[in-house]
Amino acid sequence: GIAAMQLAPAERAHLAERLLVSLDEDDEILAAWVAEAERRGDAFDRGEMGAIDFDEAIAQARARITNRRAA
């Protein structure tokens, strides 16, 4: 996978935009993806979180969305 968090902030933002455009999901799920991406980016910038493998990040986000739907 890609270590997306090692990209420069502008590159991460561009990647996130491309990912969001590629998703065919409803607004609530899209908002959850955006919020999670922003949370991770902020934590990484503050040094609270190391770089995470892109595939792992996607798997974790999907799991959270699935859990929210089941709740």
N, C-alpha and C. Protein backbone atom coordinates (compact mmCIF):
# COMPACT_ATOMS: atom_id res chain seq x y z
N GLY A 1 0.82 -1.21 0.00
CA GLY A 1 0.00 0.00 0.00
C GLY A 1 0.86 1.25 0.00
N ILE A 2 0.20 2.37 -0.17
CA ILE A 2 0.86 3.67 -0.21
C ILE A 2 0.89 4.24 1.20
N ALA A 3 2.03 4.77 1.61
CA ALA A 3 2.09 5.47 2.90
C ALA A 3 1.61 6.90 2.66
N ALA A 4 0.30 7.06 2.55
CA ALA A 4 -0.29 8.35 2.15
C ALA A 4 0.08 9.47 3.12
N MET A 5 0.23 9.15 4.39
CA MET A 5 0.51 10.19 5.37
C MET A 5 1.92 10.75 5.24
N GLN A 6 2.78 10.12 4.43
CA GLN A 6 4.12 10.65 4.23
C GLN A 6 4.13 11.72 3.14
N LEU A 7 3.01 11.89 2.44
CA LEU A 7 2.92 12.92 1.43
C LEU A 7 2.82 14.29 2.09
N ALA A 8 3.17 15.32 1.34
CA ALA A 8 3.02 16.69 1.82
C ALA A 8 1.53 16.98 2.00
N PRO A 9 1.18 17.90 2.89
CA PRO A 9 -0.24 18.20 3.14
C PRO A 9 -1.04 18.48 1.86
N ALA A 10 -0.48 19.25 0.94
CA ALA A 10 -1.20 19.57 -0.30
C ALA A 10 -1.44 18.30 -1.13
N GLU A 11 -0.43 17.41 -1.14
CA GLU A 11 -0.58 16.16 -1.89
C GLU A 11 -1.63 15.27 -1.24
N ARG A 12 -1.65 15.25 0.11
CA ARG A 12 -2.66 14.45 0.81
C ARG A 12 -4.06 14.98 0.50
N ALA A 13 -4.20 16.30 0.49
CA ALA A 13 -5.50 16.91 0.20
C ALA A 13 -5.95 16.53 -1.21
N HIS A 14 -5.03 16.58 -2.15
CA HIS A 14 -5.36 16.22 -3.54
C HIS A 14 -5.77 14.76 -3.64
N LEU A 15 -5.02 13.89 -2.97
CA LEU A 15 -5.34 12.47 -2.95
C LEU A 15 -6.72 12.25 -2.34
N ALA A 16 -7.00 12.93 -1.22
CA ALA A 16 -8.30 12.78 -0.56
C ALA A 16 -9.43 13.22 -1.49
N GLU A 17 -9.22 14.32 -2.20
CA GLU A 17 -10.24 14.78 -3.14
C GLU A 17 -10.51 13.74 -4.22
N ARG A 18 -9.43 13.18 -4.76
CA ARG A 18 -9.59 12.17 -5.82
C ARG A 18 -10.32 10.95 -5.30
N LEU A 19 -10.02 10.55 -4.05
CA LEU A 19 -10.69 9.40 -3.45
C LEU A 19 -12.17 9.68 -3.25
N LEU A 20 -12.47 10.88 -2.75
CA LEU A 20 -13.86 11.24 -2.49
C LEU A 20 -14.67 11.26 -3.78
N VAL A 21 -14.08 11.79 -4.83
CA VAL A 21 -14.77 11.84 -6.12
C VAL A 21 -15.03 10.43 -6.63
N SER A 22 -14.10 9.51 -6.33
CA SER A 22 -14.23 8.14 -6.84
C SER A 22 -15.29 7.33 -6.09
N LEU A 23 -15.67 7.81 -4.92
CA LEU A 23 -16.66 7.08 -4.12
C LEU A 23 -18.06 7.40 -4.59
N ASP A 24 -18.90 6.39 -4.63
CA ASP A 24 -20.30 6.61 -4.97
C ASP A 24 -21.11 6.27 -3.73
N GLU A 25 -20.97 7.10 -2.72
CA GLU A 25 -21.59 6.84 -1.42
C GLU A 25 -22.52 7.99 -1.07
N ASP A 26 -23.37 7.78 -0.07
CA ASP A 26 -24.25 8.87 0.33
C ASP A 26 -23.51 9.91 1.15
N ASP A 27 -24.15 11.05 1.36
CA ASP A 27 -23.49 12.20 1.99
C ASP A 27 -22.98 11.90 3.39
N GLU A 28 -23.71 11.13 4.16
CA GLU A 28 -23.30 10.83 5.53
C GLU A 28 -21.99 10.07 5.55
N ILE A 29 -21.87 9.09 4.69
CA ILE A 29 -20.64 8.29 4.62
C ILE A 29 -19.49 9.16 4.11
N LEU A 30 -19.78 9.97 3.11
CA LEU A 30 -18.76 10.87 2.58
C LEU A 30 -18.26 11.80 3.67
N ALA A 31 -19.18 12.34 4.46
CA ALA A 31 -18.79 13.24 5.55
C ALA A 31 -17.92 12.51 6.57
N ALA A 32 -18.23 11.24 6.83
CA ALA A 32 -17.45 10.45 7.78
C ALA A 32 -16.02 10.25 7.26
N TRP A 33 -15.89 9.97 5.97
CA TRP A 33 -14.56 9.81 5.37
C TRP A 33 -13.76 11.09 5.50
N VAL A 34 -14.40 12.22 5.17
CA VAL A 34 -13.70 13.51 5.22
C VAL A 34 -13.26 13.82 6.65
N ALA A 35 -14.17 13.63 7.61
CA ALA A 35 -13.85 13.92 9.01
C ALA A 35 -12.70 13.05 9.51
N GLU A 36 -12.73 11.77 9.13
CA GLU A 36 -11.67 10.86 9.57
C GLU A 36 -10.34 11.25 8.94
N ALA A 37 -10.35 11.61 7.67
CA ALA A 37 -9.12 12.01 7.00
C ALA A 37 -8.54 13.27 7.65
N GLU A 38 -9.41 14.22 7.97
CA GLU A 38 -8.95 15.44 8.61
C GLU A 38 -8.41 15.15 10.01
N ARG A 39 -9.09 14.28 10.76
CA ARG A 39 -8.64 13.93 12.11
C ARG A 39 -7.26 13.29 12.06
N ARG A 40 -7.07 12.35 11.14
CA ARG A 40 -5.78 11.67 11.02
C ARG A 40 -4.69 12.64 10.58
N GLY A 41 -5.02 13.52 9.63
CA GLY A 41 -4.04 14.49 9.16
C GLY A 41 -3.60 15.43 10.27
N ASP A 42 -4.56 15.89 11.06
CA ASP A 42 -4.23 16.79 12.18
C ASP A 42 -3.38 16.07 13.22
N ALA A 43 -3.74 14.83 13.55
CA ALA A 43 -2.99 14.07 14.55
C ALA A 43 -1.56 13.82 14.06
N PHE A 44 -1.42 13.52 12.77
CA PHE A 44 -0.09 13.29 12.20
C PHE A 44 0.73 14.57 12.26
N ASP A 45 0.11 15.70 11.88
CA ASP A 45 0.82 16.98 11.88
C ASP A 45 1.28 17.37 13.28
N ARG A 46 0.52 16.98 14.31
CA ARG A 46 0.88 17.29 15.69
C ARG A 46 1.88 16.28 16.25
N GLY A 47 2.19 15.24 15.48
CA GLY A 47 3.14 14.23 15.94
C GLY A 47 2.51 13.20 16.86
N GLU A 48 1.17 13.17 16.92
CA GLU A 48 0.48 12.23 17.80
C GLU A 48 0.26 10.87 17.13
N MET A 49 0.50 10.82 15.84
CA MET A 49 0.21 9.61 15.08
C MET A 49 1.27 9.43 14.03
N GLY A 50 1.80 8.24 13.91
CA GLY A 50 2.78 7.97 12.87
C GLY A 50 2.08 7.75 11.54
N ALA A 51 2.87 7.65 10.50
CA ALA A 51 2.30 7.36 9.19
C ALA A 51 1.62 5.99 9.24
N ILE A 52 0.50 5.89 8.56
CA ILE A 52 -0.24 4.63 8.53
C ILE A 52 -0.33 4.17 7.09
N ASP A 53 -0.24 2.89 6.89
CA ASP A 53 -0.34 2.34 5.56
C ASP A 53 -1.71 2.69 4.98
N PHE A 54 -1.73 3.11 3.71
CA PHE A 54 -2.98 3.55 3.08
C PHE A 54 -4.05 2.46 3.12
N ASP A 55 -3.67 1.24 2.76
CA ASP A 55 -4.64 0.14 2.74
C ASP A 55 -5.22 -0.10 4.14
N GLU A 56 -4.37 0.01 5.15
CA GLU A 56 -4.82 -0.17 6.53
C GLU A 56 -5.79 0.94 6.92
N ALA A 57 -5.49 2.17 6.51
CA ALA A 57 -6.37 3.30 6.81
C ALA A 57 -7.74 3.09 6.19
N ILE A 58 -7.78 2.64 4.94
CA ILE A 58 -9.05 2.40 4.26
C ILE A 58 -9.83 1.30 4.97
N ALA A 59 -9.14 0.23 5.36
CA ALA A 59 -9.80 -0.88 6.05
C ALA A 59 -10.40 -0.40 7.37
N GLN A 60 -9.66 0.42 8.10
CA GLN A 60 -10.17 0.93 9.38
C GLN A 60 -11.38 1.84 9.17
N ALA A 61 -11.32 2.69 8.16
CA ALA A 61 -12.44 3.59 7.88
C ALA A 61 -13.68 2.80 7.48
N ARG A 62 -13.49 1.77 6.63
CA ARG A 62 -14.63 0.94 6.22
C ARG A 62 -15.25 0.24 7.43
N ALA A 63 -14.41 -0.24 8.34
CA ALA A 63 -14.91 -0.93 9.54
C ALA A 63 -15.74 0.02 10.39
N ARG A 64 -15.26 1.27 10.53
CA ARG A 64 -16.01 2.26 11.32
C ARG A 64 -17.36 2.56 10.69
N ILE A 65 -17.38 2.70 9.36
CA ILE A 65 -18.63 2.98 8.66
C ILE A 65 -19.59 1.82 8.82
N THR A 66 -19.09 0.60 8.70
CA THR A 66 -19.94 -0.59 8.86
C THR A 66 -20.51 -0.63 10.27
N ASN A 67 -19.68 -0.32 11.25
CA ASN A 67 -20.15 -0.32 12.65
C ASN A 67 -21.22 0.75 12.88
N ARG A 68 -21.06 1.91 12.24
CA ARG A 68 -22.05 2.98 12.39
C ARG A 68 -23.39 2.57 11.79
N ARG A 69 -23.33 1.87 10.65
CA ARG A 69 -24.56 1.43 10.00
C ARG A 69 -25.29 0.38 10.84
N ALA A 70 -24.51 -0.46 11.52
CA ALA A 70 -25.10 -1.56 12.30
C ALA A 70 -25.69 -1.04 13.61
N ALA A 71 -25.20 0.09 14.08
CA ALA A 71 -25.65 0.64 15.36
C ALA A 71 -27.08 1.12 15.30
